Protein backbone atom coordinates (compact mmCIF):
# COMPACT_ATOMS: atom_id res chain seq x y z
CA MET A 1 -3.58 -12.18 -40.34
CA ALA A 2 -0.03 -10.99 -39.64
CA ILE A 3 1.18 -10.01 -36.21
CA ASN A 4 3.05 -6.73 -35.88
CA THR A 5 6.12 -7.92 -33.93
CA GLY A 6 7.27 -4.39 -33.08
CA LEU A 7 4.00 -3.52 -31.34
CA ALA A 8 3.90 -6.96 -29.68
CA SER A 9 7.38 -6.36 -28.29
CA LEU A 10 6.35 -2.90 -27.05
CA SER A 11 3.31 -4.44 -25.37
CA GLU A 12 5.49 -7.00 -23.62
CA GLY A 13 7.82 -4.25 -22.39
CA LEU A 14 4.89 -2.22 -21.08
CA TRP A 15 3.56 -5.33 -19.33
CA THR A 16 6.91 -5.70 -17.55
CA VAL A 17 6.89 -2.02 -16.53
CA ALA A 18 3.31 -2.35 -15.22
CA THR A 19 4.27 -5.40 -13.15
CA GLY A 20 7.27 -3.58 -11.65
CA THR A 21 5.11 -0.54 -10.89
CA TYR A 22 2.55 -2.72 -9.11
CA MET A 23 5.36 -4.26 -7.05
CA LEU A 24 6.60 -0.81 -6.00
CA ALA A 25 3.02 0.13 -5.08
CA VAL A 26 2.84 -2.90 -2.79
CA VAL A 27 6.01 -1.75 -1.05
CA ALA A 28 4.54 1.74 -0.67
CA TYR A 29 1.29 0.33 0.78
CA THR A 30 3.41 -1.60 3.26
CA GLY A 31 5.15 1.65 4.22
CA GLU A 32 1.79 3.31 4.71
CA TYR A 33 0.68 0.49 6.99
CA ALA A 34 3.95 0.57 8.93
CA PHE A 35 4.20 4.33 9.46
CA GLY A 36 0.55 5.42 9.36
CA ARG A 37 -1.66 5.68 12.37
CA ASN A 38 -5.12 5.80 10.80
CA GLY A 39 -6.84 2.47 10.85
CA ARG A 40 -8.42 -0.23 12.93
CA ILE A 41 -5.36 -0.72 15.16
CA ALA A 42 -5.21 2.99 15.92
CA SER A 43 -8.87 3.22 16.85
CA THR A 44 -8.66 0.33 19.30
CA SER A 45 -5.47 1.54 20.96
CA GLN A 46 -7.06 4.87 21.92
CA ALA A 47 -9.46 3.25 24.39
CA PRO A 48 -9.52 4.84 27.83
CA ALA A 49 -6.76 3.65 30.13
CA ARG A 50 -7.71 1.14 32.81
CA GLU A 51 -7.52 2.06 36.44
CA ALA A 52 -4.63 0.59 38.42
CA VAL A 53 -5.80 -2.12 40.81
CA LEU A 54 -3.93 -4.05 43.49
CA VAL A 55 -3.74 -7.69 42.47
CA GLY A 56 -1.61 -9.25 45.20
CA ALA A 57 -1.18 -8.46 48.84
CA GLY A 58 1.34 -5.71 49.39
CA ALA A 59 1.95 -5.06 45.68
CA PRO A 60 3.18 -1.54 44.95
CA VAL A 61 0.71 0.79 43.29
CA THR A 62 1.99 2.11 39.98
CA ALA A 63 0.48 4.88 37.94
CA PRO A 64 -1.06 3.83 34.62
CA ALA A 65 1.14 4.31 31.57
CA GLU A 66 0.52 7.47 29.61
CA SER A 67 -1.95 6.75 26.85
CA ARG A 68 -0.54 7.74 23.49
CA PRO A 69 -2.16 7.13 20.11
CA TYR A 70 -0.72 4.36 17.97
CA GLY A 71 2.26 5.60 15.97
CA ALA A 72 2.88 8.68 18.13
CA GLY A 73 6.30 7.38 19.17
CA VAL A 74 7.28 6.54 15.60
CA VAL A 75 9.61 8.99 13.92
CA GLY A 76 7.61 10.79 11.27
CA GLY A 77 4.22 9.93 12.74
CA SER A 78 1.21 10.12 10.48
CA ASP A 79 2.84 12.48 7.97
CA ALA A 80 5.16 9.70 6.86
CA GLY A 81 2.20 7.32 6.59
CA ARG A 82 0.25 9.78 4.45
CA ARG A 83 3.26 10.35 2.23
CA TRP A 84 3.72 6.58 1.71
CA GLY A 85 -0.01 6.29 1.01
CA ARG A 86 0.06 9.01 -1.63
CA TRP A 87 2.98 7.33 -3.36
CA ALA A 88 1.17 3.99 -3.20
CA VAL A 89 -2.00 5.33 -4.82
CA GLY A 90 0.00 7.21 -7.47
CA LEU A 91 2.00 4.10 -8.35
CA THR A 92 -1.17 2.02 -8.53
CA ILE A 93 -2.79 4.47 -10.93
CA LEU A 94 0.39 4.66 -13.03
CA GLY A 95 0.59 0.86 -13.12
CA ALA A 96 -3.05 0.60 -14.20
CA LEU A 97 -2.53 3.11 -17.03
CA VAL A 98 0.58 1.31 -18.29
CA HIS A 99 -1.26 -2.01 -17.98
CA LEU A 100 -4.19 -0.65 -20.02
CA ALA A 101 -1.79 0.68 -22.67
CA SER A 102 -0.10 -2.74 -22.83
CA VAL A 103 -3.41 -4.52 -23.43
CA ALA A 104 -4.53 -1.95 -26.02
CA ILE A 105 -1.24 -2.14 -27.94
CA ARG A 106 -1.36 -5.94 -27.86
CA GLY A 107 -4.85 -5.79 -29.39
CA ILE A 108 -3.62 -3.46 -32.12
CA ALA A 109 -0.59 -5.70 -32.78
CA VAL A 110 -2.68 -8.84 -33.37
CA ASP A 111 -5.66 -7.00 -34.92
CA ARG A 112 -8.23 -8.56 -32.56
CA VAL A 113 -9.12 -8.60 -28.88
CA PRO A 114 -5.91 -9.59 -27.08
CA TRP A 115 -7.44 -12.20 -24.74
CA GLY A 116 -8.85 -14.40 -27.51
CA ASN A 117 -6.95 -17.29 -29.08
């Protein structure tokens, strides 16, 4: 049983491309987490503001800080988060397709299932 070295080399190259694509997807998911405002942190930060209470004698009364949703002060807001998220999902799908092609080509190159010895 001869191994087709050309297809094996192509499979190795596709494996490298898939790994790089997955790495870029991780960076994009990090961008979505950093710039997005939909999630567990956002839902807890939108709780009603507490009422100002005097704690010490003669302490000045200050008005409560304006309640803003998480990420509202970030440049780009949720649009940037959604954009990063779309890129992340697209890169993940692309990486999975290239990964699948790499495994299929490796199987064709060795003329058997590629994960068997």
